[in-house]
PDB file of N, CA and C in Angstrom:
ATOM      1  N   MET A   1      17.606 -10.621   0.514  1.00  0.00           N
ATOM      2  CA  MET A   1      17.412 -10.159   1.905  1.00  0.00           C
ATOM      3  C   MET A   1      15.909  -9.977   2.049  1.00  0.00           C
ATOM      4  N   LYS A   2      15.564 -10.252   3.211  1.00  0.00           N
ATOM      5  CA  LYS A   2      14.203 -10.021   3.747  1.00  0.00           C
ATOM      6  C   LYS A   2      14.024  -8.616   4.220  1.00  0.00           C
ATOM      7  N   VAL A   3      12.941  -7.986   3.918  1.00  0.00           N
ATOM      8  CA  VAL A   3      12.864  -6.539   4.118  1.00  0.00           C
ATOM      9  C   VAL A   3      11.456  -6.540   4.599  1.00  0.00           C
ATOM     10  N   LYS A   4      11.219  -5.391   5.511  1.00  0.00           N
ATOM     11  CA  LYS A   4       9.953  -5.100   6.075  1.00  0.00           C
ATOM     12  C   LYS A   4       9.454  -3.830   5.363  1.00  0.00           C
ATOM     13  N   LEU A   5       8.315  -3.762   4.633  1.00  0.00           N
ATOM     14  CA  LEU A   5       7.903  -2.730   3.800  1.00  0.00           C
ATOM     15  C   LEU A   5       6.654  -2.028   4.709  1.00  0.00           C
ATOM     16  N   ARG A   6       6.806  -0.933   5.259  1.00  0.00           N
ATOM     17  CA  ARG A   6       5.795  -0.336   5.995  1.00  0.00           C
ATOM     18  C   ARG A   6       5.284   0.951   5.408  1.00  0.00           C
ATOM     19  N   ILE A   7       3.871   1.194   5.510  1.00  0.00           N
ATOM     20  CA  ILE A   7       3.296   2.354   5.027  1.00  0.00           C
ATOM     21  C   ILE A   7       2.530   2.946   6.163  1.00  0.00           C
ATOM     22  N   THR A   8       2.807   4.338   6.534  1.00  0.00           N
ATOM     23  CA  THR A   8       2.028   4.819   7.544  1.00  0.00           C
ATOM     24  C   THR A   8       1.546   6.177   7.128  1.00  0.00           C
ATOM     25  N   ARG A   9       0.349   6.591   7.794  1.00  0.00           N
ATOM     26  CA  ARG A   9      -0.256   7.900   7.428  1.00  0.00           C
ATOM     27  C   ARG A   9      -0.703   8.502   8.788  1.00  0.00           C
ATOM     28  N   ALA A  10      -0.170   9.787   9.128  1.00  0.00           N
ATOM     29  CA  ALA A  10      -0.567  10.504  10.183  1.00  0.00           C
ATOM     30  C   ALA A  10      -0.191   9.589  11.459  1.00  0.00           C
ATOM     31  N   GLY A  11       1.017   8.998  11.381  1.00  0.00           N
ATOM     32  CA  GLY A  11       1.685   8.160  12.465  1.00  0.00           C
ATOM     33  C   GLY A  11       0.932   6.815  12.751  1.00  0.00           C
ATOM     34  N   GLY A  12       0.032   6.533  11.929  1.00  0.00           N
ATOM     35  CA  GLY A  12      -0.592   5.133  12.114  1.00  0.00           C
ATOM     36  C   GLY A  12      -0.330   4.229  10.957  1.00  0.00           C
ATOM     37  N   SER A  13       0.020   2.931  11.424  1.00  0.00           N
ATOM     38  CA  SER A  13       0.344   2.011  10.237  1.00  0.00           C
ATOM     39  C   SER A  13      -0.881   1.721   9.446  1.00  0.00           C
ATOM     40  N   VAL A  14      -0.826   1.765   7.977  1.00  0.00           N
ATOM     41  CA  VAL A  14      -1.865   1.258   7.154  1.00  0.00           C
ATOM     42  C   VAL A  14      -1.576   0.031   6.446  1.00  0.00           C
ATOM     43  N   PHE A  15      -0.220  -0.272   6.375  1.00  0.00           N
ATOM     44  CA  PHE A  15       0.202  -1.582   5.795  1.00  0.00           C
ATOM     45  C   PHE A  15       1.524  -1.970   6.195  1.00  0.00           C
ATOM     46  N   GLU A  16       1.838  -3.224   6.504  1.00  0.00           N
ATOM     47  CA  GLU A  16       3.166  -3.748   6.858  1.00  0.00           C
ATOM     48  C   GLU A  16       3.197  -5.190   6.115  1.00  0.00           C
ATOM     49  N   GLY A  17       4.330  -5.463   5.384  1.00  0.00           N
ATOM     50  CA  GLY A  17       4.539  -6.731   4.854  1.00  0.00           C
ATOM     51  C   GLY A  17       6.073  -7.099   4.913  1.00  0.00           C
ATOM     52  N   ILE A  18       6.428  -8.293   4.894  1.00  0.00           N
ATOM     53  CA  ILE A  18       7.768  -8.851   4.804  1.00  0.00           C
ATOM     54  C   ILE A  18       7.954  -9.372   3.419  1.00  0.00           C
ATOM     55  N   TYR A  19       8.934  -9.058   2.781  1.00  0.00           N
ATOM     56  CA  TYR A  19       9.311  -9.417   1.363  1.00  0.00           C
ATOM     57  C   TYR A  19      10.696  -9.850   1.301  1.00  0.00           C
ATOM     58  N   ASP A  20      10.839 -10.833   0.285  1.00  0.00           N
ATOM     59  CA  ASP A  20      12.277 -11.141  -0.064  1.00  0.00           C
ATOM     60  C   ASP A  20      12.762 -10.383  -1.305  1.00  0.00           C
ATOM     61  N   VAL A  21      13.662  -9.381  -0.998  1.00  0.00           N
ATOM     62  CA  VAL A  21      14.073  -8.556  -2.024  1.00  0.00           C
ATOM     63  C   VAL A  21      15.540  -8.721  -2.503  1.00  0.00           C
ATOM     64  N   THR A  22      15.838  -9.178  -3.643  1.00  0.00           N
ATOM     65  CA  THR A  22      17.022  -9.361  -4.037  1.00  0.00           C
ATOM     66  C   THR A  22      17.732  -8.395  -5.217  1.00  0.00           C
ATOM     67  N   ASP A  23      16.751  -7.759  -5.746  1.00  0.00           N
ATOM     68  CA  ASP A  23      16.977  -6.964  -6.874  1.00  0.00           C
ATOM     69  C   ASP A  23      15.891  -5.759  -7.128  1.00  0.00           C
ATOM     70  N   PRO A  24      16.157  -4.964  -7.938  1.00  0.00           N
ATOM     71  CA  PRO A  24      15.127  -3.775  -8.142  1.00  0.00           C
ATOM     72  C   PRO A  24      13.761  -4.328  -8.804  1.00  0.00           C
ATOM     73  N   GLU A  25      13.795  -5.471  -9.486  1.00  0.00           N
ATOM     74  CA  GLU A  25      12.452  -6.073 -10.005  1.00  0.00           C
ATOM     75  C   GLU A  25      11.734  -6.572  -8.853  1.00  0.00           C
ATOM     76  N   ASN A  26      12.348  -7.248  -7.888  1.00  0.00           N
ATOM     77  CA  ASN A  26      11.684  -7.794  -6.712  1.00  0.00           C
ATOM     78  C   ASN A  26      11.136  -6.588  -5.889  1.00  0.00           C
ATOM     79  N   PHE A  27      11.852  -5.560  -5.603  1.00  0.00           N
ATOM     80  CA  PHE A  27      11.509  -4.382  -4.944  1.00  0.00           C
ATOM     81  C   PHE A  27      10.161  -3.848  -5.471  1.00  0.00           C
ATOM     82  N   GLY A  28      10.197  -3.778  -6.737  1.00  0.00           N
ATOM     83  CA  GLY A  28       9.031  -3.181  -7.646  1.00  0.00           C
ATOM     84  C   GLY A  28       7.845  -4.132  -7.321  1.00  0.00           C
ATOM     85  N   ARG A  29       7.976  -5.398  -7.335  1.00  0.00           N
ATOM     86  CA  ARG A  29       6.879  -6.334  -7.129  1.00  0.00           C
ATOM     87  C   ARG A  29       6.291  -6.193  -5.566  1.00  0.00           C
ATOM     88  N   ALA A  30       7.170  -6.012  -4.640  1.00  0.00           N
ATOM     89  CA  ALA A  30       6.798  -5.796  -3.206  1.00  0.00           C
ATOM     90  C   ALA A  30       6.012  -4.455  -3.190  1.00  0.00           C
ATOM     91  N   CYS A  31       6.360  -3.681  -3.914  1.00  0.00           N
ATOM     92  CA  CYS A  31       5.639  -2.211  -3.832  1.00  0.00           C
ATOM     93  C   CYS A  31       4.424  -2.351  -4.537  1.00  0.00           C
ATOM     94  N   ALA A  32       4.246  -3.019  -5.692  1.00  0.00           N
ATOM     95  CA  ALA A  32       3.170  -3.389  -6.280  1.00  0.00           C
ATOM     96  C   ALA A  32       2.132  -4.120  -5.418  1.00  0.00           C
ATOM     97  N   ASP A  33       2.692  -5.116  -4.796  1.00  0.00           N
ATOM     98  CA  ASP A  33       1.833  -6.017  -3.847  1.00  0.00           C
ATOM     99  C   ASP A  33       1.304  -5.150  -2.683  1.00  0.00           C
ATOM    100  N   ALA A  34       1.987  -4.306  -2.140  1.00  0.00           N
ATOM    101  CA  ALA A  34       1.720  -3.479  -1.104  1.00  0.00           C
ATOM    102  C   ALA A  34       0.353  -2.582  -1.505  1.00  0.00           C
ATOM    103  N   TRP A  35       0.572  -2.022  -2.631  1.00  0.00           N
ATOM    104  CA  TRP A  35      -0.346  -1.066  -3.266  1.00  0.00           C
ATOM    105  C   TRP A  35      -1.621  -1.878  -3.466  1.00  0.00           C
ATOM    106  N   GLY A  36      -1.705  -2.898  -4.001  1.00  0.00           N
ATOM    107  CA  GLY A  36      -2.794  -3.751  -4.465  1.00  0.00           C
ATOM    108  C   GLY A  36      -3.549  -4.061  -3.055  1.00  0.00           C
ATOM    109  N   LYS A  37      -2.686  -4.438  -1.948  1.00  0.00           N
ATOM    110  CA  LYS A  37      -3.424  -4.887  -0.736  1.00  0.00           C
ATOM    111  C   LYS A  37      -3.994  -3.618  -0.132  1.00  0.00           C
ATOM    112  N   LEU A  38      -3.555  -2.392  -0.274  1.00  0.00           N
ATOM    113  CA  LEU A  38      -4.141  -1.285   0.244  1.00  0.00           C
ATOM    114  C   LEU A  38      -5.364  -0.868  -0.348  1.00  0.00           C
ATOM    115  N   LYS A  39      -5.345  -1.076  -1.819  1.00  0.00           N
ATOM    116  CA  LYS A  39      -6.616  -0.827  -2.596  1.00  0.00           C
ATOM    117  C   LYS A  39      -7.671  -1.891  -2.185  1.00  0.00           C
ATOM    118  N   GLN A  40      -7.324  -3.173  -1.938  1.00  0.00           N
ATOM    119  CA  GLN A  40      -8.282  -4.107  -1.589  1.00  0.00           C
ATOM    120  C   GLN A  40      -8.940  -3.947  -0.123  1.00  0.00           C
ATOM    121  N   GLN A  41      -8.106  -3.421   0.811  1.00  0.00           N
ATOM    122  CA  GLN A  41      -8.596  -3.045   1.988  1.00  0.00           C
ATOM    123  C   GLN A  41      -9.644  -1.715   1.825  1.00  0.00           C
ATOM    124  N   GLN A  42      -9.294  -0.962   0.917  1.00  0.00           N
ATOM    125  CA  GLN A  42     -10.244   0.197   0.766  1.00  0.00           C
ATOM    126  C   GLN A  42     -11.512  -0.402   0.172  1.00  0.00           C
ATOM    127  N   ILE A  43     -11.466  -1.136  -0.730  1.00  0.00           N
ATOM    128  CA  ILE A  43     -12.702  -1.725  -1.413  1.00  0.00           C
ATOM    129  C   ILE A  43     -13.408  -2.580  -0.402  1.00  0.00           C
ATOM    130  N   GLU A  44     -12.895  -3.303   0.551  1.00  0.00           N
ATOM    131  CA  GLU A  44     -13.578  -4.186   1.432  1.00  0.00           C
ATOM    132  C   GLU A  44     -14.133  -3.346   2.578  1.00  0.00           C
ATOM    133  N   THR A  45     -13.838  -2.122   2.874  1.00  0.00           N
ATOM    134  CA  THR A  45     -14.286  -1.354   3.892  1.00  0.00           C
ATOM    135  C   THR A  45     -15.297  -0.263   3.557  1.00  0.00           C
ATOM    136  N   GLU A  46     -15.592  -0.188   2.299  1.00  0.00           N
ATOM    137  CA  GLU A  46     -16.486   0.728   1.730  1.00  0.00           C
ATOM    138  C   GLU A  46     -17.958   0.452   2.161  1.00  0.00           C
ATOM    139  N   THR A  47     -18.717   1.346   2.758  1.00  0.00           N
ATOM    140  CA  THR A  47     -20.045   1.151   3.173  1.00  0.00           C
ATOM    141  C   THR A  47     -21.181   1.261   2.134  1.00  0.00           C
ATOM    142  N   SER A  48     -20.803   1.783   0.962  1.00  0.00           N
ATOM    143  CA  SER A  48     -21.837   1.953  -0.047  1.00  0.00           C
ATOM    144  C   SER A  48     -21.143   1.792  -1.500  1.00  0.00           C
ATOM    145  N   ILE A  49     -21.954   1.504  -2.355  1.00  0.00           N
ATOM    146  CA  ILE A  49     -21.490   1.393  -3.774  1.00  0.00           C
ATOM    147  C   ILE A  49     -21.151   2.888  -4.404  1.00  0.00           C
ATOM    148  N   GLY A  50     -21.687   3.912  -4.035  1.00  0.00           N
ATOM    149  CA  GLY A  50     -21.304   5.193  -4.326  1.00  0.00           C
ATOM    150  C   GLY A  50     -19.975   5.593  -3.870  1.00  0.00           C
ATOM    151  N   ALA A  51     -19.573   5.191  -2.660  1.00  0.00           N
ATOM    152  CA  ALA A  51     -18.294   5.594  -2.102  1.00  0.00           C
ATOM    153  C   ALA A  51     -17.209   4.602  -2.722  1.00  0.00           C
ATOM    154  N   LEU A  52     -17.653   3.425  -3.127  1.00  0.00           N
ATOM    155  CA  LEU A  52     -16.753   2.558  -3.893  1.00  0.00           C
ATOM    156  C   LEU A  52     -16.244   3.074  -5.275  1.00  0.00           C
ATOM    157  N   ILE A  53     -17.323   3.362  -5.893  1.00  0.00           N
ATOM    158  CA  ILE A  53     -17.153   3.910  -7.180  1.00  0.00           C
ATOM    159  C   ILE A  53     -16.355   5.274  -7.106  1.00  0.00           C
ATOM    160  N   ALA A  54     -16.534   6.159  -6.156  1.00  0.00           N
ATOM    161  CA  ALA A  54     -15.749   7.297  -6.071  1.00  0.00           C
ATOM    162  C   ALA A  54     -14.274   6.956  -5.881  1.00  0.00           C
ATOM    163  N   HIS A  55     -13.952   5.978  -4.978  1.00  0.00           N
ATOM    164  CA  HIS A  55     -12.671   5.706  -4.814  1.00  0.00           C
ATOM    165  C   HIS A  55     -12.001   5.003  -6.030  1.00  0.00           C
ATOM    166  N   LEU A  56     -12.715   4.290  -6.839  1.00  0.00           N
ATOM    167  CA  LEU A  56     -12.241   3.536  -7.933  1.00  0.00           C
ATOM    168  C   LEU A  56     -11.760   4.638  -9.054  1.00  0.00           C
ATOM    169  N   GLU A  57     -12.656   5.830  -9.008  1.00  0.00           N
ATOM    170  CA  GLU A  57     -12.456   6.670 -10.063  1.00  0.00           C
ATOM    171  C   GLU A  57     -11.301   7.964  -9.734  1.00  0.00           C
ATOM    172  N   GLU A  58     -11.093   7.820  -8.531  1.00  0.00           N
ATOM    173  CA  GLU A  58     -10.101   8.938  -8.102  1.00  0.00           C
ATOM    174  C   GLU A  58      -8.646   8.740  -8.630  1.00  0.00           C
ATOM    175  N   ASP A  59      -7.820   9.687  -8.482  1.00  0.00           N
ATOM    176  CA  ASP A  59      -6.347   9.547  -9.064  1.00  0.00           C
ATOM    177  C   ASP A  59      -5.760   8.407  -8.284  1.00  0.00           C
ATOM    178  N   PRO A  60      -5.097   7.550  -8.885  1.00  0.00           N
ATOM    179  CA  PRO A  60      -4.391   6.325  -8.185  1.00  0.00           C
ATOM    180  C   PRO A  60      -3.293   6.852  -7.230  1.00  0.00           C
ATOM    181  N   LEU A  61      -2.590   8.070  -7.514  1.00  0.00           N
ATOM    182  CA  LEU A  61      -1.586   8.527  -6.564  1.00  0.00           C
ATOM    183  C   LEU A  61      -2.191   9.291  -5.576  1.00  0.00           C
ATOM    184  N   GLY A  62      -3.320   9.490  -5.688  1.00  0.00           N
ATOM    185  CA  GLY A  62      -3.989  10.420  -4.513  1.00  0.00           C
ATOM    186  C   GLY A  62      -3.999   9.727  -3.394  1.00  0.00           C
ATOM    187  N   GLY A  63      -4.192   8.410  -3.311  1.00  0.00           N
ATOM    188  CA  GLY A  63      -4.130   7.604  -2.167  1.00  0.00           C
ATOM    189  C   GLY A  63      -2.901   7.500  -1.376  1.00  0.00           C
ATOM    190  N   LEU A  64      -1.819   7.975  -2.046  1.00  0.00           N
ATOM    191  CA  LEU A  64      -0.494   8.122  -1.424  1.00  0.00           C
ATOM    192  C   LEU A  64      -0.156   9.432  -0.746  1.00  0.00           C
ATOM    193  N   SER A  65      -0.972  10.298  -0.937  1.00  0.00           N
ATOM    194  CA  SER A  65      -0.692  11.628  -0.560  1.00  0.00           C
ATOM    195  C   SER A  65      -0.667  11.495   1.059  1.00  0.00           C
ATOM    196  N   GLY A  66       0.353  12.083   1.689  1.00  0.00           N
ATOM    197  CA  GLY A  66       0.481  12.158   3.119  1.00  0.00           C
ATOM    198  C   GLY A  66       1.065  10.792   3.739  1.00  0.00           C
ATOM    199  N   VAL A  67       1.398   9.964   2.886  1.00  0.00           N
ATOM    200  CA  VAL A  67       1.959   8.630   3.466  1.00  0.00           C
ATOM    201  C   VAL A  67       3.500   8.730   3.668  1.00  0.00           C
ATOM    202  N   GLN A  68       3.948   7.712   4.554  1.00  0.00           N
ATOM    203  CA  GLN A  68       5.287   7.608   4.614  1.00  0.00           C
ATOM    204  C   GLN A  68       5.709   6.081   4.321  1.00  0.00           C
ATOM    205  N   ILE A  69       6.547   5.806   3.493  1.00  0.00           N
ATOM    206  CA  ILE A  69       6.863   4.517   3.124  1.00  0.00           C
ATOM    207  C   ILE A  69       8.344   4.206   3.669  1.00  0.00           C
ATOM    208  N   THR A  70       8.561   3.190   4.604  1.00  0.00           N
ATOM    209  CA  THR A  70       9.731   2.806   5.047  1.00  0.00           C
ATOM    210  C   THR A  70      10.188   1.389   4.741  1.00  0.00           C
ATOM    211  N   VAL A  71      11.532   1.203   4.504  1.00  0.00           N
ATOM    212  CA  VAL A  71      11.961  -0.114   4.162  1.00  0.00           C
ATOM    213  C   VAL A  71      13.060  -0.465   5.136  1.00  0.00           C
ATOM    214  N   GLU A  72      13.199  -1.633   5.767  1.00  0.00           N
ATOM    215  CA  GLU A  72      14.141  -1.821   6.758  1.00  0.00           C
ATOM    216  C   GLU A  72      14.348  -3.387   6.709  1.00  0.00           C
ATOM    217  N   GLN A  73      15.573  -3.921   7.223  1.00  0.00           N
ATOM    218  CA  GLN A  73      15.836  -5.187   7.207  1.00  0.00           C
ATOM    219  C   GLN A  73      14.977  -6.061   8.119  1.00  0.00           C
ATOM    220  N   ALA A  74      14.419  -7.073   7.714  1.00  0.00           N
ATOM    221  CA  ALA A  74      13.581  -7.832   8.509  1.00  0.00           C
ATOM    222  C   ALA A  74      14.370  -9.051   9.313  1.00  0.00           C
TER     223      ALA A  74
END
């Protein structure tokens, strides 16, 4: 089944992707892909090396604080 995985924070969308999910393993891969793309976006938008290093050193789950993750059929 095709699903839309959406991550929002404070009412604004920070990530949206369409994935083919047929079992728990595929769902895990979709979530890992979304997480990787979010981290890549952070890296690409940093304005200084100091800010980049600070983000890389922070708690990996801290980036999910305050987000809402929804899954719906695409």
